[in-house]
């Protein structure tokens, strides 16, 4: 007896159906001001190699933590509200229609909402099997393989004999700290 297979999701996700998608709330462990709520539009249509999330950041909160990617490219498109994007140490006010793209290895970036209205944006990028992301202001590096991840202190990095050290992505000086 064969098991019935689930039919694949529709490639069309109507605006009215997006509210029915599960919403995940997240706070980054390295940032006590991080609070966001996201719905995966990519999961809603069955995309596997590309992530696309509809993200809301409440007033006075921040997205993640200042970070940079080694493997996965990322983009942000502001839909409503205003925010402040910290891109490579420079602060930019952003609003509806503004687009940010981070090819790898990326410069450091972070988004916060110091304003009185909710900040809503699309965030998307690659979904690779492995990612390395640096948190240069914390001197830490995330290594993710599949759904398993660990954060390591860059102060404790042991160099492999005969090979160059990886630079710290997102850091102008390319030094931890």
N, C-alpha and C. Protein backbone atom coordinates (compact mmCIF):
# COMPACT_ATOMS: atom_id res chain seq x y z
N UNK A 1 0.85 -1.17 0.00
CA UNK A 1 0.00 0.00 0.00
C UNK A 1 0.89 1.24 0.00
N UNK A 2 0.64 2.14 -0.89
CA UNK A 2 1.44 3.37 -0.96
C UNK A 2 0.75 4.46 -0.17
N UNK A 3 1.59 5.31 0.41
CA UNK A 3 1.07 6.45 1.16
C UNK A 3 0.64 7.54 0.19
N UNK A 4 -0.46 8.19 0.46
CA UNK A 4 -0.84 9.31 -0.42
C UNK A 4 0.18 10.44 -0.26
N UNK A 5 0.53 11.05 -1.35
CA UNK A 5 1.48 12.16 -1.29
C UNK A 5 0.71 13.47 -1.23
N UNK A 6 1.23 14.37 -0.45
CA UNK A 6 0.61 15.69 -0.35
C UNK A 6 0.81 16.43 -1.66
N UNK A 7 -0.20 17.13 -2.08
CA UNK A 7 -0.04 17.90 -3.31
C UNK A 7 0.86 19.10 -3.01
N UNK A 8 1.67 19.48 -3.98
CA UNK A 8 2.57 20.62 -3.75
C UNK A 8 1.76 21.90 -3.57
N UNK A 9 2.33 22.86 -2.84
CA UNK A 9 1.62 24.13 -2.67
C UNK A 9 1.41 24.83 -4.02
N UNK A 10 0.41 25.63 -4.07
CA UNK A 10 0.14 26.42 -5.27
C UNK A 10 1.26 27.43 -5.47
N UNK A 11 1.66 27.69 -6.69
CA UNK A 11 2.67 28.72 -6.94
C UNK A 11 2.13 30.13 -6.75
N UNK A 12 0.82 30.27 -6.54
CA UNK A 12 0.22 31.58 -6.32
C UNK A 12 -0.24 31.68 -4.88
N UNK A 13 0.28 32.65 -4.17
CA UNK A 13 -0.12 32.91 -2.79
C UNK A 13 -0.79 34.27 -2.77
N UNK A 14 -2.09 34.27 -2.70
CA UNK A 14 -2.85 35.52 -2.75
C UNK A 14 -2.66 36.32 -1.47
N UNK A 15 -2.76 37.63 -1.59
CA UNK A 15 -2.59 38.52 -0.44
C UNK A 15 -3.52 38.13 0.70
N UNK A 16 -4.74 37.76 0.38
CA UNK A 16 -5.70 37.39 1.42
C UNK A 16 -5.28 36.12 2.16
N UNK A 17 -4.51 35.25 1.51
CA UNK A 17 -4.09 33.99 2.13
C UNK A 17 -2.80 34.13 2.95
N UNK A 18 -2.08 35.22 2.78
CA UNK A 18 -0.82 35.38 3.52
C UNK A 18 -1.03 35.49 5.01
N UNK A 19 -2.15 36.08 5.43
CA UNK A 19 -2.43 36.21 6.86
C UNK A 19 -2.64 34.85 7.52
N UNK A 20 -2.99 33.83 6.74
CA UNK A 20 -3.20 32.49 7.28
C UNK A 20 -1.88 31.72 7.44
N UNK A 21 -0.80 32.23 6.86
CA UNK A 21 0.50 31.57 7.02
C UNK A 21 0.92 31.66 8.48
N UNK A 22 1.62 30.64 8.98
CA UNK A 22 2.08 30.72 10.37
C UNK A 22 3.06 31.88 10.54
N UNK A 23 2.89 32.62 11.64
CA UNK A 23 3.79 33.72 11.95
C UNK A 23 4.74 33.27 13.06
N UNK A 24 6.02 33.50 12.85
CA UNK A 24 7.05 33.16 13.82
C UNK A 24 7.57 34.44 14.44
N UNK A 25 7.68 34.46 15.75
CA UNK A 25 8.31 35.60 16.44
C UNK A 25 9.73 35.19 16.80
N UNK A 26 10.65 36.15 16.69
CA UNK A 26 12.07 35.84 16.90
C UNK A 26 12.76 37.02 17.57
N UNK A 27 13.67 36.70 18.47
CA UNK A 27 14.58 37.68 19.06
C UNK A 27 15.98 37.09 18.98
N UNK A 28 16.93 37.84 18.43
CA UNK A 28 18.29 37.33 18.29
C UNK A 28 18.94 37.23 19.66
N UNK A 29 19.59 36.10 19.97
CA UNK A 29 20.18 35.93 21.30
C UNK A 29 21.29 36.91 21.65
N UNK A 30 21.91 37.55 20.65
CA UNK A 30 22.98 38.51 20.93
C UNK A 30 22.48 39.95 21.01
N UNK A 31 21.16 40.15 20.82
CA UNK A 31 20.63 41.51 20.82
C UNK A 31 19.34 41.56 21.65
N UNK A 32 19.40 42.12 22.86
CA UNK A 32 18.20 42.18 23.70
C UNK A 32 17.10 43.08 23.14
N UNK A 33 17.40 43.91 22.13
CA UNK A 33 16.40 44.79 21.51
C UNK A 33 15.77 44.17 20.26
N UNK A 34 16.23 42.98 19.90
CA UNK A 34 15.73 42.31 18.70
C UNK A 34 14.33 41.73 18.95
N UNK A 35 13.42 42.09 18.07
CA UNK A 35 12.08 41.50 18.10
C UNK A 35 11.47 41.65 16.72
N UNK A 36 11.16 40.53 16.11
CA UNK A 36 10.51 40.60 14.81
C UNK A 36 9.52 39.46 14.68
N UNK A 37 8.61 39.66 13.73
CA UNK A 37 7.56 38.68 13.45
C UNK A 37 7.62 38.42 11.95
N UNK A 38 7.70 37.15 11.57
CA UNK A 38 7.85 36.87 10.14
C UNK A 38 6.93 35.78 9.66
N UNK A 39 6.59 35.90 8.39
CA UNK A 39 5.85 34.87 7.66
C UNK A 39 6.68 34.50 6.45
N UNK A 40 6.89 33.20 6.26
CA UNK A 40 7.69 32.75 5.13
C UNK A 40 6.82 32.63 3.88
N UNK A 41 6.96 33.60 2.99
CA UNK A 41 6.25 33.54 1.71
C UNK A 41 6.82 32.41 0.85
N UNK A 42 8.13 32.18 0.95
CA UNK A 42 8.78 31.13 0.16
C UNK A 42 8.22 29.76 0.53
N UNK A 43 8.09 29.50 1.84
CA UNK A 43 7.52 28.21 2.27
C UNK A 43 6.08 28.08 1.79
N UNK A 44 5.37 29.20 1.76
CA UNK A 44 3.97 29.19 1.34
C UNK A 44 3.75 28.73 -0.09
N UNK A 45 4.77 28.84 -0.93
CA UNK A 45 4.64 28.38 -2.33
C UNK A 45 5.60 27.23 -2.64
N UNK A 46 6.27 26.72 -1.61
CA UNK A 46 7.12 25.54 -1.79
C UNK A 46 8.54 25.78 -2.27
N UNK A 47 9.00 27.05 -2.24
CA UNK A 47 10.39 27.30 -2.64
C UNK A 47 11.34 26.66 -1.63
N UNK A 48 12.41 26.07 -2.12
CA UNK A 48 13.35 25.41 -1.23
C UNK A 48 14.75 26.03 -1.26
N UNK A 49 15.15 26.59 -2.39
CA UNK A 49 16.50 27.15 -2.48
C UNK A 49 16.54 28.67 -2.26
N UNK A 50 15.37 29.28 -2.16
CA UNK A 50 15.27 30.72 -1.97
C UNK A 50 14.35 30.98 -0.78
N UNK A 51 14.79 31.84 0.12
CA UNK A 51 13.94 32.25 1.23
C UNK A 51 13.38 33.63 0.96
N UNK A 52 12.14 33.85 1.32
CA UNK A 52 11.52 35.17 1.22
C UNK A 52 10.54 35.30 2.38
N UNK A 53 10.80 36.28 3.24
CA UNK A 53 9.99 36.47 4.43
C UNK A 53 9.37 37.86 4.45
N UNK A 54 8.12 37.91 4.91
CA UNK A 54 7.44 39.17 5.20
C UNK A 54 7.70 39.42 6.69
N UNK A 55 8.41 40.50 7.00
CA UNK A 55 8.86 40.74 8.37
C UNK A 55 8.28 42.04 8.90
N UNK A 56 7.87 42.00 10.18
CA UNK A 56 7.39 43.18 10.88
C UNK A 56 8.29 43.41 12.10
N UNK A 57 8.74 44.64 12.26
CA UNK A 57 9.53 45.03 13.44
C UNK A 57 8.72 46.10 14.17
N UNK A 58 8.33 45.83 15.43
CA UNK A 58 7.53 46.81 16.19
C UNK A 58 8.32 48.09 16.46
N UNK A 59 7.62 49.17 16.76
CA UNK A 59 8.29 50.43 17.11
C UNK A 59 9.26 50.22 18.28
N UNK A 60 10.44 50.84 18.15
CA UNK A 60 11.44 50.77 19.21
C UNK A 60 12.24 49.49 19.25
N UNK A 61 12.03 48.58 18.30
CA UNK A 61 12.73 47.29 18.29
C UNK A 61 13.69 47.22 17.11
N UNK A 62 14.46 46.15 17.05
CA UNK A 62 15.47 45.94 16.00
C UNK A 62 15.24 44.58 15.35
N UNK A 63 15.83 44.41 14.16
CA UNK A 63 15.65 43.14 13.45
C UNK A 63 16.49 42.06 14.12
N UNK A 64 17.71 41.91 13.75
CA UNK A 64 18.57 40.84 14.28
C UNK A 64 19.67 41.47 15.12
N UNK A 65 20.87 41.37 14.60
CA UNK A 65 22.07 41.94 15.21
C UNK A 65 22.98 42.29 14.04
N UNK A 66 23.86 43.26 14.20
CA UNK A 66 24.78 43.63 13.13
C UNK A 66 25.55 42.37 12.72
N UNK A 67 25.46 42.01 11.44
CA UNK A 67 26.04 40.75 10.98
C UNK A 67 26.46 40.85 9.51
N UNK A 68 27.21 39.86 9.08
CA UNK A 68 27.65 39.77 7.69
C UNK A 68 27.70 38.31 7.29
N UNK A 69 27.42 38.04 6.02
CA UNK A 69 27.35 36.67 5.52
C UNK A 69 28.58 36.31 4.69
N UNK A 70 29.01 35.07 4.82
CA UNK A 70 30.08 34.54 3.98
C UNK A 70 29.53 33.78 2.77
N UNK A 71 28.37 33.13 2.91
CA UNK A 71 27.89 32.22 1.86
C UNK A 71 26.57 32.63 1.22
N UNK A 72 25.63 33.11 2.01
CA UNK A 72 24.29 33.38 1.50
C UNK A 72 24.07 34.87 1.23
N UNK A 73 23.72 35.19 -0.02
CA UNK A 73 23.37 36.57 -0.35
C UNK A 73 21.99 36.87 0.25
N UNK A 74 21.78 38.16 0.54
CA UNK A 74 20.55 38.58 1.21
C UNK A 74 20.09 39.92 0.64
N UNK A 75 18.76 40.15 0.67
CA UNK A 75 18.25 41.46 0.28
C UNK A 75 17.10 41.86 1.19
N UNK A 76 16.82 43.17 1.22
CA UNK A 76 15.74 43.74 2.01
C UNK A 76 15.04 44.78 1.14
N UNK A 77 13.70 44.75 1.15
CA UNK A 77 12.89 45.72 0.42
C UNK A 77 11.84 46.25 1.40
N UNK A 78 11.88 47.55 1.67
CA UNK A 78 10.98 48.16 2.64
C UNK A 78 9.60 48.37 2.01
N UNK A 79 8.55 47.86 2.69
CA UNK A 79 7.17 48.01 2.23
C UNK A 79 6.46 49.19 2.90
N UNK A 80 6.61 49.30 4.23
CA UNK A 80 5.95 50.40 4.94
C UNK A 80 6.70 50.69 6.23
N UNK A 81 6.45 51.89 6.76
CA UNK A 81 7.16 52.34 7.94
C UNK A 81 8.52 52.88 7.57
N UNK A 82 9.28 53.23 8.59
CA UNK A 82 10.64 53.72 8.38
C UNK A 82 11.56 52.97 9.32
N UNK A 83 12.84 52.96 8.96
CA UNK A 83 13.83 52.33 9.80
C UNK A 83 15.17 52.99 9.60
N UNK A 84 16.15 52.51 10.36
CA UNK A 84 17.53 52.96 10.19
C UNK A 84 18.36 51.73 9.87
N UNK A 85 18.98 51.75 8.70
CA UNK A 85 19.84 50.65 8.27
C UNK A 85 21.28 51.03 8.58
N UNK A 86 21.96 50.17 9.31
CA UNK A 86 23.39 50.31 9.57
C UNK A 86 24.08 49.42 8.55
N UNK A 87 24.70 50.04 7.56
CA UNK A 87 25.37 49.30 6.48
C UNK A 87 26.84 49.66 6.51
N UNK A 88 27.66 48.71 6.87
CA UNK A 88 29.11 48.90 6.94
C UNK A 88 29.47 50.08 7.84
N UNK A 89 28.70 50.22 8.95
CA UNK A 89 29.00 51.26 9.93
C UNK A 89 28.42 52.63 9.62
N UNK A 90 27.68 52.75 8.52
CA UNK A 90 27.06 54.03 8.15
C UNK A 90 25.55 53.89 8.31
N UNK A 91 24.92 54.85 8.99
CA UNK A 91 23.48 54.80 9.24
C UNK A 91 22.72 55.52 8.14
N UNK A 92 21.66 54.85 7.65
CA UNK A 92 20.83 55.39 6.56
C UNK A 92 19.37 55.26 6.98
N UNK A 93 18.61 56.37 6.92
CA UNK A 93 17.17 56.24 7.12
C UNK A 93 16.60 55.60 5.87
N UNK A 94 15.73 54.61 6.05
CA UNK A 94 15.11 53.90 4.92
C UNK A 94 13.60 53.91 5.08
N UNK A 95 12.91 53.85 3.94
CA UNK A 95 11.45 53.86 3.94
C UNK A 95 10.91 53.11 2.75
N UNK A 96 9.60 53.18 2.53
CA UNK A 96 8.94 52.40 1.48
C UNK A 96 9.62 52.56 0.12
N UNK A 97 9.88 51.41 -0.51
CA UNK A 97 10.51 51.39 -1.82
C UNK A 97 12.02 51.29 -1.78
N UNK A 98 12.65 51.48 -0.63
CA UNK A 98 14.10 51.37 -0.54
C UNK A 98 14.51 49.90 -0.57
N UNK A 99 15.60 49.63 -1.28
CA UNK A 99 16.10 48.27 -1.49
C UNK A 99 17.55 48.19 -1.05
N UNK A 100 17.90 47.12 -0.36
CA UNK A 100 19.28 46.87 0.06
C UNK A 100 19.65 45.46 -0.37
N UNK A 101 20.84 45.30 -0.94
CA UNK A 101 21.31 43.99 -1.37
C UNK A 101 22.70 43.73 -0.82
N UNK A 102 22.94 42.50 -0.38
CA UNK A 102 24.20 42.15 0.27
C UNK A 102 24.82 40.92 -0.39
N UNK A 103 25.63 41.15 -1.46
CA UNK A 103 26.35 40.03 -2.07
C UNK A 103 27.44 39.54 -1.10
N UNK A 104 27.85 38.31 -1.28
CA UNK A 104 28.86 37.74 -0.37
C UNK A 104 30.26 37.86 -0.95
N UNK A 105 31.27 37.96 -0.05
CA UNK A 105 31.09 38.18 1.38
C UNK A 105 30.52 39.57 1.60
N UNK A 106 29.54 39.64 2.47
CA UNK A 106 28.81 40.90 2.60
C UNK A 106 29.45 41.85 3.60
N UNK A 107 29.08 43.10 3.46
CA UNK A 107 29.42 44.09 4.48
C UNK A 107 28.46 43.86 5.65
N UNK A 108 28.84 44.34 6.81
CA UNK A 108 27.98 44.22 7.97
C UNK A 108 26.72 45.05 7.76
N UNK A 109 25.60 44.55 8.31
CA UNK A 109 24.34 45.26 8.16
C UNK A 109 23.39 44.90 9.29
N UNK A 110 22.47 45.83 9.54
CA UNK A 110 21.50 45.67 10.63
C UNK A 110 20.39 46.69 10.41
N UNK A 111 19.18 46.36 10.83
CA UNK A 111 18.03 47.24 10.64
C UNK A 111 17.32 47.42 11.98
N UNK A 112 17.02 48.69 12.30
CA UNK A 112 16.30 48.96 13.54
C UNK A 112 15.15 49.93 13.26
N UNK A 113 14.18 49.92 14.17
CA UNK A 113 12.99 50.76 14.02
C UNK A 113 12.86 51.68 15.24
N UNK A 114 13.47 52.87 15.19
CA UNK A 114 13.35 53.79 16.31
C UNK A 114 12.09 54.66 16.24
N UNK A 115 11.21 54.39 15.28
CA UNK A 115 10.06 55.25 15.05
C UNK A 115 8.80 54.69 15.72
N UNK A 116 7.70 55.44 15.62
CA UNK A 116 6.46 55.10 16.34
C UNK A 116 5.53 54.18 15.56
N UNK A 117 5.86 53.86 14.30
CA UNK A 117 5.02 52.95 13.53
C UNK A 117 5.80 51.68 13.19
N UNK A 118 5.07 50.62 12.95
CA UNK A 118 5.67 49.33 12.62
C UNK A 118 6.46 49.43 11.30
N UNK A 119 7.60 48.77 11.24
CA UNK A 119 8.41 48.67 10.03
C UNK A 119 8.11 47.32 9.38
N UNK A 120 7.72 47.33 8.10
CA UNK A 120 7.37 46.09 7.40
C UNK A 120 8.23 46.00 6.15
N UNK A 121 8.85 44.84 5.95
CA UNK A 121 9.72 44.67 4.79
C UNK A 121 9.78 43.22 4.33
N UNK A 122 10.23 43.06 3.10
CA UNK A 122 10.54 41.73 2.57
C UNK A 122 12.03 41.50 2.75
N UNK A 123 12.38 40.33 3.23
CA UNK A 123 13.78 39.94 3.35
C UNK A 123 13.93 38.59 2.67
N UNK A 124 14.91 38.49 1.82
CA UNK A 124 15.08 37.23 1.10
C UNK A 124 16.53 36.94 0.83
N UNK A 125 16.75 35.73 0.37
CA UNK A 125 18.10 35.33 0.03
C UNK A 125 18.19 33.84 -0.21
N UNK A 126 19.42 33.42 -0.35
CA UNK A 126 19.69 32.01 -0.63
C UNK A 126 19.45 31.15 0.61
N UNK A 127 19.15 29.89 0.37
CA UNK A 127 19.04 28.89 1.43
C UNK A 127 20.04 27.79 1.11
N UNK A 128 21.25 28.01 1.47
CA UNK A 128 22.29 27.01 1.22
C UNK A 128 22.33 26.01 2.37
N UNK A 129 22.93 24.88 2.10
CA UNK A 129 23.07 23.85 3.14
C UNK A 129 23.97 24.34 4.27
N UNK A 130 24.90 25.24 3.94
CA UNK A 130 25.83 25.73 4.96
C UNK A 130 25.92 27.25 4.88
N UNK A 131 26.03 27.89 6.03
CA UNK A 131 26.23 29.34 6.10
C UNK A 131 27.23 29.65 7.21
N UNK A 132 28.00 30.67 6.96
CA UNK A 132 28.90 31.23 7.97
C UNK A 132 28.55 32.71 8.03
N UNK A 133 28.24 33.19 9.23
CA UNK A 133 27.90 34.59 9.41
C UNK A 133 28.71 35.13 10.58
N UNK A 134 29.23 36.34 10.41
CA UNK A 134 30.01 36.97 11.47
C UNK A 134 29.18 38.02 12.17
N UNK A 135 29.42 38.14 13.47
CA UNK A 135 28.87 39.21 14.30
C UNK A 135 30.07 40.02 14.77
N UNK A 136 30.61 40.89 13.90
CA UNK A 136 31.90 41.53 14.17
C UNK A 136 31.93 42.39 15.42
N UNK A 137 30.81 42.98 15.81
CA UNK A 137 30.79 43.83 17.01
C UNK A 137 30.77 42.99 18.29
N UNK A 138 30.52 41.70 18.13
CA UNK A 138 30.50 40.79 19.28
C UNK A 138 31.69 39.84 19.27
N UNK A 139 32.50 39.90 18.19
CA UNK A 139 33.64 38.99 18.09
C UNK A 139 33.22 37.53 18.00
N UNK A 140 32.11 37.28 17.30
CA UNK A 140 31.58 35.92 17.22
C UNK A 140 31.29 35.54 15.77
N UNK A 141 31.24 34.23 15.54
CA UNK A 141 30.93 33.68 14.21
C UNK A 141 29.93 32.54 14.36
N UNK A 142 28.89 32.58 13.52
CA UNK A 142 27.92 31.50 13.46
C UNK A 142 28.31 30.56 12.33
N UNK A 143 28.26 29.27 12.60
CA UNK A 143 28.45 28.24 11.58
C UNK A 143 27.19 27.39 11.60
N UNK A 144 26.51 27.32 10.44
CA UNK A 144 25.29 26.52 10.33
C UNK A 144 25.45 25.50 9.23
N UNK A 145 25.11 24.25 9.55
CA UNK A 145 25.05 23.18 8.56
C UNK A 145 23.67 22.56 8.69
N UNK A 146 22.88 22.65 7.62
CA UNK A 146 21.50 22.21 7.71
C UNK A 146 20.78 23.08 8.73
N UNK A 147 20.12 22.45 9.68
CA UNK A 147 19.42 23.20 10.73
C UNK A 147 20.20 23.20 12.04
N UNK A 148 21.42 22.68 12.03
CA UNK A 148 22.27 22.70 13.22
C UNK A 148 23.20 23.90 13.13
N UNK A 149 23.33 24.64 14.23
CA UNK A 149 24.16 25.85 14.22
C UNK A 149 24.88 26.00 15.55
N UNK A 150 26.03 26.66 15.48
CA UNK A 150 26.80 26.96 16.69
C UNK A 150 27.42 28.34 16.52
N UNK A 151 27.55 29.06 17.63
CA UNK A 151 28.21 30.36 17.63
C UNK A 151 29.54 30.19 18.35
N UNK A 152 30.60 30.66 17.70
CA UNK A 152 31.96 30.52 18.23
C UNK A 152 32.57 31.89 18.49
N UNK A 153 33.39 31.96 19.50
CA UNK A 153 34.13 33.19 19.78
C UNK A 153 35.31 33.28 18.81
N UNK A 154 35.47 34.44 18.18
CA UNK A 154 36.61 34.61 17.27
C UNK A 154 37.92 34.76 18.04
N UNK A 155 37.83 35.06 19.33
CA UNK A 155 39.05 35.16 20.14
C UNK A 155 39.67 33.80 20.36
N UNK A 156 38.87 32.73 20.23
CA UNK A 156 39.36 31.38 20.48
C UNK A 156 39.66 30.61 19.20
N UNK A 157 39.67 31.29 18.06
CA UNK A 157 39.90 30.61 16.78
C UNK A 157 41.32 30.05 16.74
N UNK A 158 41.38 28.80 16.34
CA UNK A 158 42.67 28.14 16.18
C UNK A 158 42.95 28.03 14.69
N UNK A 159 44.06 28.58 14.24
CA UNK A 159 44.38 28.58 12.81
C UNK A 159 44.87 27.21 12.38
N UNK A 160 44.50 26.84 11.16
CA UNK A 160 44.96 25.59 10.59
C UNK A 160 46.34 25.82 10.00
N UNK A 161 47.34 25.04 10.37
CA UNK A 161 48.71 25.28 9.89
C UNK A 161 48.80 25.28 8.36
N UNK A 162 49.45 26.29 7.84
CA UNK A 162 49.69 26.39 6.40
C UNK A 162 48.59 27.08 5.62
N UNK A 163 47.46 27.40 6.25
CA UNK A 163 46.37 28.08 5.56
C UNK A 163 46.16 29.46 6.15
N UNK A 164 45.62 30.37 5.33
CA UNK A 164 45.30 31.72 5.81
C UNK A 164 44.07 31.68 6.69
N UNK A 165 43.97 32.63 7.59
CA UNK A 165 42.78 32.76 8.43
C UNK A 165 41.67 33.40 7.60
N UNK A 166 40.42 32.99 7.88
CA UNK A 166 39.27 33.66 7.28
C UNK A 166 39.18 35.07 7.83
N UNK A 167 38.88 36.03 6.97
CA UNK A 167 38.68 37.39 7.49
C UNK A 167 37.30 37.45 8.14
N UNK A 168 37.10 38.43 8.96
CA UNK A 168 35.83 38.64 9.62
C UNK A 168 34.97 39.46 8.67
N UNK A 169 33.95 38.84 8.10
CA UNK A 169 33.07 39.55 7.18
C UNK A 169 32.35 40.66 7.91
N UNK A 170 32.15 41.78 7.22
CA UNK A 170 31.39 42.87 7.79
C UNK A 170 32.18 43.80 8.66
N UNK A 171 33.46 43.57 8.78
CA UNK A 171 34.31 44.40 9.60
C UNK A 171 35.26 45.18 8.70
N UNK A 172 35.23 46.48 8.81
CA UNK A 172 36.10 47.29 7.94
C UNK A 172 37.56 46.93 8.12
N UNK A 173 37.95 46.68 9.36
CA UNK A 173 39.36 46.37 9.60
C UNK A 173 39.64 44.88 9.40
N UNK A 174 38.60 44.09 9.24
CA UNK A 174 38.70 42.64 9.12
C UNK A 174 39.34 42.02 10.35
N UNK A 175 39.14 42.65 11.47
CA UNK A 175 39.60 42.11 12.75
C UNK A 175 38.39 41.96 13.66
N UNK A 176 38.40 40.93 14.52
CA UNK A 176 37.29 40.78 15.45
C UNK A 176 37.17 41.99 16.34
N UNK A 177 35.93 42.27 16.77
CA UNK A 177 35.77 43.33 17.75
C UNK A 177 34.76 44.36 17.41
